[in-house]
PDB file of all heavy atoms in Angstrom:
ATOM      1  N   GLN A   1      27.242  46.725  -0.331  1.00  0.00           N
ATOM      2  CA  GLN A   1      27.693  47.362  -1.571  1.00  0.00           C
ATOM      3  C   GLN A   1      29.194  47.161  -1.730  1.00  0.00           C
ATOM      4  O   GLN A   1      29.963  47.440  -0.824  1.00  0.00           O
ATOM      5  CB  GLN A   1      27.357  48.850  -1.544  1.00  0.00           C
ATOM      6  CG  GLN A   1      27.763  49.580  -2.801  1.00  0.00           C
ATOM      7  CD  GLN A   1      27.439  51.068  -2.736  1.00  0.00           C
ATOM      8  OE1 GLN A   1      26.905  51.537  -1.737  1.00  0.00           O
ATOM      9  NE2 GLN A   1      27.761  51.794  -3.778  1.00  0.00           N
ATOM     10  N   VAL A   2      29.590  46.690  -2.904  1.00  0.00           N
ATOM     11  CA  VAL A   2      30.998  46.470  -3.178  1.00  0.00           C
ATOM     12  C   VAL A   2      31.641  47.800  -3.568  1.00  0.00           C
ATOM     13  O   VAL A   2      31.146  48.514  -4.440  1.00  0.00           O
ATOM     14  CB  VAL A   2      31.165  45.457  -4.316  1.00  0.00           C
ATOM     15  CG1 VAL A   2      32.629  45.259  -4.619  1.00  0.00           C
ATOM     16  CG2 VAL A   2      30.515  44.125  -3.937  1.00  0.00           C
ATOM     17  N   GLN A   3      32.739  48.113  -2.925  1.00  0.00           N
ATOM     18  CA  GLN A   3      33.365  49.411  -3.163  1.00  0.00           C
ATOM     19  C   GLN A   3      34.865  49.337  -2.956  1.00  0.00           C
ATOM     20  O   GLN A   3      35.356  48.610  -2.089  1.00  0.00           O
ATOM     21  CB  GLN A   3      32.774  50.458  -2.212  1.00  0.00           C
ATOM     22  CG  GLN A   3      33.136  51.890  -2.545  1.00  0.00           C
ATOM     23  CD  GLN A   3      32.420  52.882  -1.646  1.00  0.00           C
ATOM     24  OE1 GLN A   3      31.917  52.533  -0.574  1.00  0.00           O
ATOM     25  NE2 GLN A   3      32.355  54.121  -2.074  1.00  0.00           N
ATOM     26  N   LEU A   4      35.592  50.082  -3.777  1.00  0.00           N
ATOM     27  CA  LEU A   4      37.039  50.235  -3.656  1.00  0.00           C
ATOM     28  C   LEU A   4      37.343  51.713  -3.523  1.00  0.00           C
ATOM     29  O   LEU A   4      36.868  52.510  -4.328  1.00  0.00           O
ATOM     30  CB  LEU A   4      37.744  49.666  -4.881  1.00  0.00           C
ATOM     31  CG  LEU A   4      37.522  48.182  -5.167  1.00  0.00           C
ATOM     32  CD1 LEU A   4      37.996  47.834  -6.567  1.00  0.00           C
ATOM     33  CD2 LEU A   4      38.252  47.335  -4.137  1.00  0.00           C
ATOM     34  N   VAL A   5      38.145  52.073  -2.534  1.00  0.00           N
ATOM     35  CA  VAL A   5      38.490  53.474  -2.320  1.00  0.00           C
ATOM     36  C   VAL A   5      40.008  53.591  -2.225  1.00  0.00           C
ATOM     37  O   VAL A   5      40.621  53.111  -1.273  1.00  0.00           O
ATOM     38  CB  VAL A   5      37.830  54.034  -1.054  1.00  0.00           C
ATOM     39  CG1 VAL A   5      38.239  55.492  -0.857  1.00  0.00           C
ATOM     40  CG2 VAL A   5      36.317  53.907  -1.132  1.00  0.00           C
ATOM     41  N   GLU A   6      40.591  54.240  -3.221  1.00  0.00           N
ATOM     42  CA  GLU A   6      42.036  54.450  -3.268  1.00  0.00           C
ATOM     43  C   GLU A   6      42.400  55.785  -2.634  1.00  0.00           C
ATOM     44  O   GLU A   6      41.633  56.752  -2.724  1.00  0.00           O
ATOM     45  CB  GLU A   6      42.540  54.425  -4.714  1.00  0.00           C
ATOM     46  CG  GLU A   6      42.263  53.139  -5.465  1.00  0.00           C
ATOM     47  CD  GLU A   6      40.965  53.160  -6.258  1.00  0.00           C
ATOM     48  OE1 GLU A   6      40.126  54.055  -6.020  1.00  0.00           O
ATOM     49  OE2 GLU A   6      40.782  52.278  -7.118  1.00  0.00           O
ATOM     50  N   SER A   7      43.579  55.836  -2.026  1.00  0.00           N
ATOM     51  CA  SER A   7      44.068  57.073  -1.428  1.00  0.00           C
ATOM     52  C   SER A   7      45.590  57.050  -1.352  1.00  0.00           C
ATOM     53  O   SER A   7      46.209  56.004  -1.588  1.00  0.00           O
ATOM     54  CB  SER A   7      43.481  57.249  -0.018  1.00  0.00           C
ATOM     55  OG  SER A   7      43.893  56.192   0.828  1.00  0.00           O
ATOM     56  N   GLY A   8      46.165  58.204  -1.058  1.00  0.00           N
ATOM     57  CA  GLY A   8      47.604  58.277  -0.838  1.00  0.00           C
ATOM     58  C   GLY A   8      48.398  58.919  -1.954  1.00  0.00           C
ATOM     59  O   GLY A   8      49.613  59.094  -1.840  1.00  0.00           O
ATOM     60  N   GLY A   9      47.737  59.272  -3.038  1.00  0.00           N
ATOM     61  CA  GLY A   9      48.453  59.900  -4.136  1.00  0.00           C
ATOM     62  C   GLY A   9      48.860  61.326  -3.808  1.00  0.00           C
ATOM     63  O   GLY A   9      48.522  61.862  -2.759  1.00  0.00           O
ATOM     64  N   GLY A  10      49.600  61.915  -4.740  1.00  0.00           N
ATOM     65  CA  GLY A  10      50.034  63.289  -4.545  1.00  0.00           C
ATOM     66  C   GLY A  10      51.105  63.682  -5.522  1.00  0.00           C
ATOM     67  O   GLY A  10      51.384  62.959  -6.482  1.00  0.00           O
ATOM     68  N   LEU A  11      51.701  64.834  -5.262  1.00  0.00           N
ATOM     69  CA  LEU A  11      52.789  65.357  -6.079  1.00  0.00           C
ATOM     70  C   LEU A  11      54.108  65.060  -5.379  1.00  0.00           C
ATOM     71  O   LEU A  11      54.271  65.387  -4.190  1.00  0.00           O
ATOM     72  CB  LEU A  11      52.616  66.862  -6.274  1.00  0.00           C
ATOM     73  CG  LEU A  11      53.753  67.608  -6.971  1.00  0.00           C
ATOM     74  CD1 LEU A  11      53.932  67.119  -8.399  1.00  0.00           C
ATOM     75  CD2 LEU A  11      53.484  69.109  -6.934  1.00  0.00           C
ATOM     76  N   VAL A  12      55.031  64.468  -6.098  1.00  0.00           N
ATOM     77  CA  VAL A  12      56.318  64.113  -5.518  1.00  0.00           C
ATOM     78  C   VAL A  12      57.412  64.348  -6.547  1.00  0.00           C
ATOM     79  O   VAL A  12      57.169  64.261  -7.762  1.00  0.00           O
ATOM     80  CB  VAL A  12      56.305  62.636  -5.033  1.00  0.00           C
ATOM     81  CG1 VAL A  12      56.101  61.676  -6.203  1.00  0.00           C
ATOM     82  CG2 VAL A  12      57.540  62.292  -4.235  1.00  0.00           C
ATOM     83  N   GLN A  13      58.587  64.664  -6.074  1.00  0.00           N
ATOM     84  CA  GLN A  13      59.722  64.878  -6.972  1.00  0.00           C
ATOM     85  C   GLN A  13      60.293  63.543  -7.431  1.00  0.00           C
ATOM     86  O   GLN A  13      60.147  62.522  -6.742  1.00  0.00           O
ATOM     87  CB  GLN A  13      60.804  65.679  -6.261  1.00  0.00           C
ATOM     88  CG  GLN A  13      60.420  67.116  -5.978  1.00  0.00           C
ATOM     89  CD  GLN A  13      61.569  67.918  -5.403  1.00  0.00           C
ATOM     90  OE1 GLN A  13      62.543  67.373  -4.901  1.00  0.00           O
ATOM     91  NE2 GLN A  13      61.458  69.236  -5.486  1.00  0.00           N
ATOM     92  N   PRO A  14      60.938  63.524  -8.574  1.00  0.00           N
ATOM     93  CA  PRO A  14      61.615  62.294  -9.021  1.00  0.00           C
ATOM     94  C   PRO A  14      62.557  61.786  -7.937  1.00  0.00           C
ATOM     95  O   PRO A  14      63.260  62.573  -7.291  1.00  0.00           O
ATOM     96  CB  PRO A  14      62.383  62.745 -10.261  1.00  0.00           C
ATOM     97  CG  PRO A  14      61.570  63.884 -10.799  1.00  0.00           C
ATOM     98  CD  PRO A  14      61.046  64.594  -9.593  1.00  0.00           C
ATOM     99  N   GLY A  15      62.532  60.474  -7.724  1.00  0.00           N
ATOM    100  CA  GLY A  15      63.323  59.861  -6.672  1.00  0.00           C
ATOM    101  C   GLY A  15      62.595  59.740  -5.349  1.00  0.00           C
ATOM    102  O   GLY A  15      63.085  59.069  -4.428  1.00  0.00           O
ATOM    103  N   GLY A  16      61.447  60.358  -5.253  1.00  0.00           N
ATOM    104  CA  GLY A  16      60.679  60.333  -4.016  1.00  0.00           C
ATOM    105  C   GLY A  16      59.859  59.065  -3.851  1.00  0.00           C
ATOM    106  O   GLY A  16      59.918  58.147  -4.686  1.00  0.00           O
ATOM    107  N   SER A  17      59.083  59.035  -2.772  1.00  0.00           N
ATOM    108  CA  SER A  17      58.277  57.858  -2.438  1.00  0.00           C
ATOM    109  C   SER A  17      56.850  58.259  -2.090  1.00  0.00           C
ATOM    110  O   SER A  17      56.599  59.377  -1.616  1.00  0.00           O
ATOM    111  CB  SER A  17      58.888  57.136  -1.228  1.00  0.00           C
ATOM    112  OG  SER A  17      60.181  56.655  -1.499  1.00  0.00           O
ATOM    113  N   LEU A  18      55.953  57.334  -2.326  1.00  0.00           N
ATOM    114  CA  LEU A  18      54.559  57.456  -1.908  1.00  0.00           C
ATOM    115  C   LEU A  18      54.059  56.075  -1.518  1.00  0.00           C
ATOM    116  O   LEU A  18      54.542  55.059  -2.039  1.00  0.00           O
ATOM    117  CB  LEU A  18      53.670  58.002  -3.030  1.00  0.00           C
ATOM    118  CG  LEU A  18      53.712  59.493  -3.344  1.00  0.00           C
ATOM    119  CD1 LEU A  18      52.890  59.774  -4.599  1.00  0.00           C
ATOM    120  CD2 LEU A  18      53.230  60.325  -2.183  1.00  0.00           C
ATOM    121  N   ARG A  19      53.066  56.055  -0.632  1.00  0.00           N
ATOM    122  CA  ARG A  19      52.412  54.805  -0.279  1.00  0.00           C
ATOM    123  C   ARG A  19      50.921  54.950  -0.545  1.00  0.00           C
ATOM    124  O   ARG A  19      50.248  55.777   0.066  1.00  0.00           O
ATOM    125  CB  ARG A  19      52.627  54.458   1.188  1.00  0.00           C
ATOM    126  CG  ARG A  19      52.129  53.064   1.569  1.00  0.00           C
ATOM    127  CD  ARG A  19      52.062  52.890   3.060  1.00  0.00           C
ATOM    128  NE  ARG A  19      51.909  51.503   3.458  1.00  0.00           N
ATOM    129  CZ  ARG A  19      51.370  51.115   4.617  1.00  0.00           C
ATOM    130  NH1 ARG A  19      50.955  52.017   5.478  1.00  0.00           N
ATOM    131  NH2 ARG A  19      51.284  49.836   4.894  1.00  0.00           N
ATOM    132  N   LEU A  20      50.429  54.137  -1.461  1.00  0.00           N
ATOM    133  CA  LEU A  20      49.013  54.145  -1.797  1.00  0.00           C
ATOM    134  C   LEU A  20      48.275  53.085  -0.972  1.00  0.00           C
ATOM    135  O   LEU A  20      48.834  52.033  -0.658  1.00  0.00           O
ATOM    136  CB  LEU A  20      48.815  53.858  -3.283  1.00  0.00           C
ATOM    137  CG  LEU A  20      49.579  54.739  -4.261  1.00  0.00           C
ATOM    138  CD1 LEU A  20      49.188  54.367  -5.696  1.00  0.00           C
ATOM    139  CD2 LEU A  20      49.360  56.200  -3.994  1.00  0.00           C
ATOM    140  N   SER A  21      47.023  53.383  -0.686  1.00  0.00           N
ATOM    141  CA  SER A  21      46.164  52.437   0.021  1.00  0.00           C
ATOM    142  C   SER A  21      44.876  52.236  -0.765  1.00  0.00           C
ATOM    143  O   SER A  21      44.415  53.158  -1.438  1.00  0.00           O
ATOM    144  CB  SER A  21      45.808  52.958   1.422  1.00  0.00           C
ATOM    145  OG  SER A  21      46.956  53.142   2.215  1.00  0.00           O
ATOM    146  N   CYS A  22      44.314  51.057  -0.644  1.00  0.00           N
ATOM    147  CA  CYS A  22      43.026  50.763  -1.270  1.00  0.00           C
ATOM    148  C   CYS A  22      42.200  49.962  -0.290  1.00  0.00           C
ATOM    149  O   CYS A  22      42.552  48.827   0.050  1.00  0.00           O
ATOM    150  CB  CYS A  22      43.228  49.982  -2.560  1.00  0.00           C
ATOM    151  SG  CYS A  22      41.689  49.333  -3.253  1.00  0.00           S
ATOM    152  N   ALA A  23      41.120  50.570   0.160  1.00  0.00           N
ATOM    153  CA  ALA A  23      40.220  49.910   1.103  1.00  0.00           C
ATOM    154  C   ALA A  23      39.061  49.298   0.339  1.00  0.00           C
ATOM    155  O   ALA A  23      38.385  49.980  -0.437  1.00  0.00           O
ATOM    156  CB  ALA A  23      39.715  50.920   2.122  1.00  0.00           C
ATOM    157  N   ALA A  24      38.828  48.023   0.567  1.00  0.00           N
ATOM    158  CA  ALA A  24      37.747  47.297  -0.095  1.00  0.00           C
ATOM    159  C   ALA A  24      36.629  47.014   0.902  1.00  0.00           C
ATOM    160  O   ALA A  24      36.892  46.725   2.068  1.00  0.00           O
ATOM    161  CB  ALA A  24      38.263  45.983  -0.675  1.00  0.00           C
ATOM    162  N   SER A  25      35.414  47.103   0.424  1.00  0.00           N
ATOM    163  CA  SER A  25      34.261  46.773   1.254  1.00  0.00           C
ATOM    164  C   SER A  25      33.262  45.989   0.425  1.00  0.00           C
ATOM    165  O   SER A  25      33.235  46.103  -0.808  1.00  0.00           O
ATOM    166  CB  SER A  25      33.612  48.040   1.818  1.00  0.00           C
ATOM    167  OG  SER A  25      33.211  48.906   0.780  1.00  0.00           O
ATOM    168  N   GLY A  26      32.479  45.172   1.093  1.00  0.00           N
ATOM    169  CA  GLY A  26      31.448  44.422   0.404  1.00  0.00           C
ATOM    170  C   GLY A  26      31.906  43.109  -0.189  1.00  0.00           C
ATOM    171  O   GLY A  26      31.138  42.439  -0.883  1.00  0.00           O
ATOM    172  N   ILE A  27      33.178  42.742   0.043  1.00  0.00           N
ATOM    173  CA  ILE A  27      33.675  41.457  -0.443  1.00  0.00           C
ATOM    174  C   ILE A  27      34.418  40.759   0.681  1.00  0.00           C
ATOM    175  O   ILE A  27      34.854  41.405   1.642  1.00  0.00           O
ATOM    176  CB  ILE A  27      34.623  41.611  -1.663  1.00  0.00           C
ATOM    177  CG1 ILE A  27      35.876  42.414  -1.275  1.00  0.00           C
ATOM    178  CG2 ILE A  27      33.898  42.251  -2.825  1.00  0.00           C
ATOM    179  CD1 ILE A  27      36.948  42.410  -2.353  1.00  0.00           C
ATOM    180  N   ILE A  28      34.575  39.431   0.561  1.00  0.00           N
ATOM    181  CA  ILE A  28      35.411  38.699   1.519  1.00  0.00           C
ATOM    182  C   ILE A  28      36.836  38.846   1.011  1.00  0.00           C
ATOM    183  O   ILE A  28      37.355  38.018   0.269  1.00  0.00           O
ATOM    184  CB  ILE A  28      34.972  37.231   1.633  1.00  0.00           C
ATOM    185  CG1 ILE A  28      33.496  37.160   2.020  1.00  0.00           C
ATOM    186  CG2 ILE A  28      35.823  36.519   2.686  1.00  0.00           C
ATOM    187  CD1 ILE A  28      32.920  35.772   2.062  1.00  0.00           C
ATOM    188  N   PHE A  29      37.449  39.938   1.410  1.00  0.00           N
ATOM    189  CA  PHE A  29      38.712  40.426   0.846  1.00  0.00           C
ATOM    190  C   PHE A  29      39.792  39.350   0.844  1.00  0.00           C
ATOM    191  O   PHE A  29      40.518  39.192  -0.142  1.00  0.00           O
ATOM    192  CB  PHE A  29      39.161  41.639   1.660  1.00  0.00           C
ATOM    193  CG  PHE A  29      40.447  42.259   1.221  1.00  0.00           C
ATOM    194  CD1 PHE A  29      40.485  43.111   0.138  1.00  0.00           C
ATOM    195  CD2 PHE A  29      41.634  41.994   1.897  1.00  0.00           C
ATOM    196  CE1 PHE A  29      41.669  43.690  -0.271  1.00  0.00           C
ATOM    197  CE2 PHE A  29      42.816  42.573   1.507  1.00  0.00           C
ATOM    198  CZ  PHE A  29      42.845  43.428   0.416  1.00  0.00           C
ATOM    199  N   SER A  30      39.899  38.610   1.922  1.00  0.00           N
ATOM    200  CA  SER A  30      41.017  37.671   2.076  1.00  0.00           C
ATOM    201  C   SER A  30      41.002  36.545   1.050  1.00  0.00           C
ATOM    202  O   SER A  30      42.022  35.891   0.837  1.00  0.00           O
ATOM    203  CB  SER A  30      41.005  37.091   3.486  1.00  0.00           C
ATOM    204  OG  SER A  30      39.796  36.399   3.730  1.00  0.00           O
ATOM    205  N   ARG A  31      39.888  36.339   0.397  1.00  0.00           N
ATOM    206  CA  ARG A  31      39.774  35.218  -0.549  1.00  0.00           C
ATOM    207  C   ARG A  31      40.347  35.530  -1.927  1.00  0.00           C
ATOM    208  O   ARG A  31      40.564  34.624  -2.728  1.00  0.00           O
ATOM    209  CB  ARG A  31      38.311  34.832  -0.730  1.00  0.00           C
ATOM    210  CG  ARG A  31      37.681  34.184   0.476  1.00  0.00           C
ATOM    211  CD  ARG A  31      36.275  33.742   0.144  1.00  0.00           C
ATOM    212  NE  ARG A  31      35.634  33.061   1.257  1.00  0.00           N
ATOM    213  CZ  ARG A  31      34.389  32.629   1.244  1.00  0.00           C
ATOM    214  NH1 ARG A  31      33.633  32.777   0.165  1.00  0.00           N
ATOM    215  NH2 ARG A  31      33.886  32.029   2.304  1.00  0.00           N
ATOM    216  N   TYR A  32      40.564  36.807  -2.202  1.00  0.00           N
ATOM    217  CA  TYR A  32      40.822  37.208  -3.590  1.00  0.00           C
ATOM    218  C   TYR A  32      42.206  37.791  -3.811  1.00  0.00           C
ATOM    219  O   TYR A  32      42.752  38.506  -2.968  1.00  0.00           O
ATOM    220  CB  TYR A  32      39.785  38.237  -4.023  1.00  0.00           C
ATOM    221  CG  TYR A  32      38.382  37.701  -4.030  1.00  0.00           C
ATOM    222  CD1 TYR A  32      37.495  38.002  -3.002  1.00  0.00           C
ATOM    223  CD2 TYR A  32      37.944  36.876  -5.056  1.00  0.00           C
ATOM    224  CE1 TYR A  32      36.213  37.501  -3.000  1.00  0.00           C
ATOM    225  CE2 TYR A  32      36.649  36.367  -5.061  1.00  0.00           C
ATOM    226  CZ  TYR A  32      35.799  36.686  -4.035  1.00  0.00           C
ATOM    227  OH  TYR A  32      34.518  36.180  -4.039  1.00  0.00           O
ATOM    228  N   ALA A  33      42.727  37.510  -5.016  1.00  0.00           N
ATOM    229  CA  ALA A  33      43.903  38.219  -5.479  1.00  0.00           C
ATOM    230  C   ALA A  33      43.502  39.648  -5.822  1.00  0.00           C
ATOM    231  O   ALA A  33      42.414  39.882  -6.347  1.00  0.00           O
ATOM    232  CB  ALA A  33      44.484  37.529  -6.712  1.00  0.00           C
ATOM    233  N   MET A  34      44.395  40.577  -5.522  1.00  0.00           N
ATOM    234  CA  MET A  34      44.140  41.987  -5.769  1.00  0.00           C
ATOM    235  C   MET A  34      45.271  42.564  -6.608  1.00  0.00           C
ATOM    236  O   MET A  34      46.389  42.043  -6.634  1.00  0.00           O
ATOM    237  CB  MET A  34      44.044  42.760  -4.453  1.00  0.00           C
ATOM    238  CG  MET A  34      42.918  42.307  -3.536  1.00  0.00           C
ATOM    239  SD  MET A  34      41.285  42.673  -4.213  1.00  0.00           S
ATOM    240  CE  MET A  34      41.286  44.477  -4.206  1.00  0.00           C
ATOM    241  N   GLY A  35      44.975  43.666  -7.269  1.00  0.00           N
ATOM    242  CA  GLY A  35      45.999  44.279  -8.098  1.00  0.00           C
ATOM    243  C   GLY A  35      45.931  45.795  -8.082  1.00  0.00           C
ATOM    244  O   GLY A  35      44.891  46.380  -7.771  1.00  0.00           O
ATOM    245  N   TRP A  36      47.057  46.386  -8.386  1.00  0.00           N
ATOM    246  CA  TRP A  36      47.140  47.823  -8.640  1.00  0.00           C
ATOM    247  C   TRP A  36      47.336  48.036 -10.141  1.00  0.00           C
ATOM    248  O   TRP A  36      48.125  47.316 -10.778  1.00  0.00           O
ATOM    249  CB  TRP A  36      48.293  48.456  -7.874  1.00  0.00           C
ATOM    250  CG  TRP A  36      47.997  48.721  -6.439  1.00  0.00           C
ATOM    251  CD1 TRP A  36      48.339  47.946  -5.367  1.00  0.00           C
ATOM    252  CD2 TRP A  36      47.292  49.851  -5.907  1.00  0.00           C
ATOM    253  NE1 TRP A  36      47.885  48.523  -4.202  1.00  0.00           N
ATOM    254  CE2 TRP A  36      47.242  49.693  -4.509  1.00  0.00           C
ATOM    255  CE3 TRP A  36      46.707  50.985  -6.471  1.00  0.00           C
ATOM    256  CZ2 TRP A  36      46.623  50.618  -3.671  1.00  0.00           C
ATOM    257  CZ3 TRP A  36      46.087  51.899  -5.638  1.00  0.00           C
ATOM    258  CH2 TRP A  36      46.046  51.712  -4.253  1.00  0.00           C
ATOM    259  N   TYR A  37      46.657  49.034 -10.661  1.00  0.00           N
ATOM    260  CA  TYR A  37      46.722  49.377 -12.065  1.00  0.00           C
ATOM    261  C   TYR A  37      46.956  50.887 -12.168  1.00  0.00           C
ATOM    262  O   TYR A  37      46.736  51.619 -11.214  1.00  0.00           O
ATOM    263  CB  TYR A  37      45.401  49.019 -12.767  1.00  0.00           C
ATOM    264  CG  TYR A  37      45.021  47.572 -12.626  1.00  0.00           C
ATOM    265  CD1 TYR A  37      44.436  47.092 -11.459  1.00  0.00           C
ATOM    266  CD2 TYR A  37      45.252  46.667 -13.664  1.00  0.00           C
ATOM    267  CE1 TYR A  37      44.092  45.760 -11.314  1.00  0.00           C
ATOM    268  CE2 TYR A  37      44.910  45.335 -13.530  1.00  0.00           C
ATOM    269  CZ  TYR A  37      44.334  44.891 -12.352  1.00  0.00           C
ATOM    270  OH  TYR A  37      44.008  43.566 -12.216  1.00  0.00           O
TER     271      TYR A  37
END
């Protein structure tokens, strides 16, 4: 099963930082261009 699971969001003050992650399953991940939207 092809699936994308995003995580890492939250509430942050202006000027702050966050790191988002997206785990993909069900595809040969290394073959494809990926994007954040």
